[in-house]
Structures are given as C-alpha cells and as structure tokens.
Protein backbone atom coordinates (compact mmCIF):
# COMPACT_ATOMS: atom_id res chain seq x y z
CA MET A 1 -141.00 237.46 43.35
CA SER A 2 -141.73 234.03 41.52
CA ASP A 3 -144.87 232.20 40.72
CA SER A 4 -142.75 228.92 40.82
CA VAL A 5 -143.00 226.09 43.59
CA PRO A 6 -140.51 225.99 46.26
CA ASP A 7 -138.19 222.85 45.91
CA ALA A 8 -139.21 221.95 49.66
CA GLU A 9 -141.96 220.10 48.50
CA ALA A 10 -139.96 217.91 45.99
CA PRO A 11 -138.89 214.51 47.00
CA GLN A 12 -135.39 214.35 48.18
CA GLU A 13 -132.77 211.87 46.80
CA GLY A 14 -132.40 208.73 48.68
CA THR A 15 -135.82 209.06 50.45
CA PRO A 16 -138.55 206.40 49.42
CA GLU A 17 -141.72 207.62 48.19
CA PRO A 18 -144.87 206.70 50.08
CA VAL A 19 -146.84 203.47 49.21
CA VAL A 20 -149.75 204.08 48.03
CA PRO A 21 -152.05 200.36 48.17
CA GLU A 22 -153.76 199.56 45.16
CA PRO A 23 -157.51 199.56 44.95
CA GLU A 24 -159.31 196.54 45.30
CA PRO A 25 -161.74 195.39 42.08
CA GLU A 26 -165.23 196.48 43.21
CA GLY A 27 -167.53 193.12 43.92
CA GLU A 28 -164.35 190.75 45.05
CA PRO A 29 -163.91 191.03 48.63
CA ALA A 30 -159.93 190.72 50.10
CA TYR A 31 -158.69 187.57 51.26
CA ASP A 32 -158.80 187.75 54.74
CA PRO A 33 -157.11 184.75 56.39
CA ALA A 34 -158.31 185.74 59.75
CA ALA A 35 -161.86 186.29 58.63
CA PRO A 36 -164.61 183.26 60.01
CA ALA A 37 -164.80 180.39 57.22
CA PRO A 38 -167.29 177.66 57.16
CA LEU A 39 -165.42 174.20 57.27
CA GLY A 40 -167.86 172.26 55.54
CA VAL A 41 -167.85 169.41 57.81
CA PRO A 42 -171.09 167.03 57.20
CA ARG A 43 -172.93 166.49 60.18
CA THR A 44 -175.03 163.45 59.57
CA PRO A 45 -178.28 163.22 61.38
CA THR A 46 -178.07 160.57 64.40
CA GLY A 47 -181.85 160.18 64.89
CA ASN A 48 -181.66 161.42 68.82
CA ALA A 49 -183.14 164.92 68.39
CA ASP A 50 -180.95 166.19 71.40
CA VAL A 51 -177.63 164.91 69.85
CA ASP A 52 -178.87 166.44 66.66
CA ALA A 53 -179.76 170.10 68.00
CA ALA A 54 -176.15 169.68 69.56
CA LEU A 55 -174.55 168.97 66.47
CA ASP A 56 -176.45 171.52 64.29
CA ARG A 57 -175.03 174.00 66.92
CA LEU A 58 -171.70 173.59 65.81
CA GLY A 59 -172.41 175.09 62.32
CA ASP A 60 -172.43 178.16 64.48
CA ALA A 61 -168.94 178.34 64.60
CA ASP A 62 -168.75 178.58 60.85
CA HIS A 63 -169.65 182.25 61.28
CA LEU A 64 -167.43 183.37 64.07
CA GLY A 65 -164.06 184.37 64.56
CA THR A 66 -161.75 181.72 66.66
CA ASP A 67 -162.48 183.63 69.66
CA GLY A 68 -165.99 182.93 69.59
CA HIS A 69 -165.38 179.11 69.00
CA VAL A 70 -165.11 178.08 72.80
CA GLU A 71 -168.36 179.24 73.99
CA VAL A 72 -169.91 177.25 70.88
CA TYR A 73 -167.99 174.10 71.58
CA GLU A 74 -168.52 174.43 75.24
CA ASP A 75 -172.50 174.37 74.61
CA VAL A 76 -172.22 171.94 72.35
CA HIS A 77 -169.92 169.73 74.77
CA GLY A 78 -172.55 170.63 77.68
CA GLY A 79 -175.59 169.30 75.49
CA LEU A 80 -174.11 166.15 74.79
CA ARG A 81 -173.33 165.43 78.07
CA ASP A 82 -176.69 166.19 78.99
CA ALA A 83 -177.97 163.65 76.30
CA LEU A 84 -175.49 161.06 77.60
CA ALA A 85 -176.91 161.68 81.13
CA ALA A 86 -180.33 161.15 79.93
CA LEU A 87 -179.73 157.85 78.28
CA ASP A 88 -178.34 156.69 81.77
CA ALA A 89 -181.55 157.96 83.45
CA ARG A 90 -184.14 155.99 81.56
CA PRO A 91 -185.43 152.92 83.15
CA GLY A 92 -184.97 149.75 81.23
CA PRO A 93 -184.18 146.24 81.52
CA PRO A 94 -181.37 145.15 83.53
CA ALA A 95 -178.35 144.43 81.10
CA PRO A 96 -178.02 140.36 80.86
CA GLY A 97 -175.80 138.67 83.26
CA ARG A 98 -176.36 141.03 85.88
CA GLY A 99 -178.04 140.26 89.60
CA PRO A 100 -179.00 142.52 92.23
CA SER A 101 -175.62 142.13 93.71
CA GLY A 102 -173.41 142.63 90.63
CA PRO A 103 -172.56 140.16 87.84
CA THR A 104 -173.86 136.44 87.63
CA ILE A 105 -171.06 134.29 87.74
CA PRO A 106 -171.79 130.48 87.03
CA SER A 107 -170.85 128.30 90.10
CA VAL A 108 -168.14 126.15 89.96
CA PRO A 109 -167.98 123.06 92.04
CA THR A 110 -165.25 123.32 94.56
CA GLN A 111 -162.66 120.51 95.14
CA ASP A 112 -164.69 119.34 98.56
CA GLN A 113 -168.03 119.14 96.21
CA HIS A 114 -166.07 116.64 94.12
CA ARG A 115 -165.46 114.26 97.10
CA SER A 116 -168.25 111.61 97.05
C-alpha cells in the first residue's frame, strides 16, 4: 500500500481546465451594461409647477432598469396631459377674431350690392 495520490484526480490530456474568473479589485464595481445609469439630460424649469413636477419625475427613470421606465413615462405623460387640459379649462378672454358662432370674416360686398 502506498501513500501516493491516485492518477484519477489528475487532469487528462485534451480536457480543458476549468476557467476561474479573476477576482475584481475591491472598491471598483464591475461594469454592468444593463445596470441603470443616469442619462444626464438637463431639465430646464418651465415656470409651470405642474409641468415642472412632471419633468422632475423623469429623473426617477435614471435609477430604474428599463423595465421600470414605462411606468415613469406613462405617469409623466398623464401629468403633462392633465396640465394641458387644465389650461383649456381656465376661463380667459376670447381669442381675437372669434365671434359667438365662429371666426369673424369681414363682409365683402356681393356683386348685387355694387349696382347702384
């Protein structure tokens, strides 16, 4: 009897050795192309509080994976649509050149009115 290790555990010729990934240096996260990343698109204030709130909500998509973007975009779209609808609902002065029945068209004398 021998204290030697049997040859069965030694790698056989032609069999590739398993690939062991190299450990990543600590302190630097691995690059993950699927990870959320801010786009860095500037959002300029409009002066309308409802619109500005909706545009600020777009920043939430920077921290979500792409599967979460749809919910944010739909929410922003709804907020912008509501802000536009609120503008239409506000009473204001009538638009110039509009009468009660539609656009005001200056009267043009007809051919019969030219005969004297």
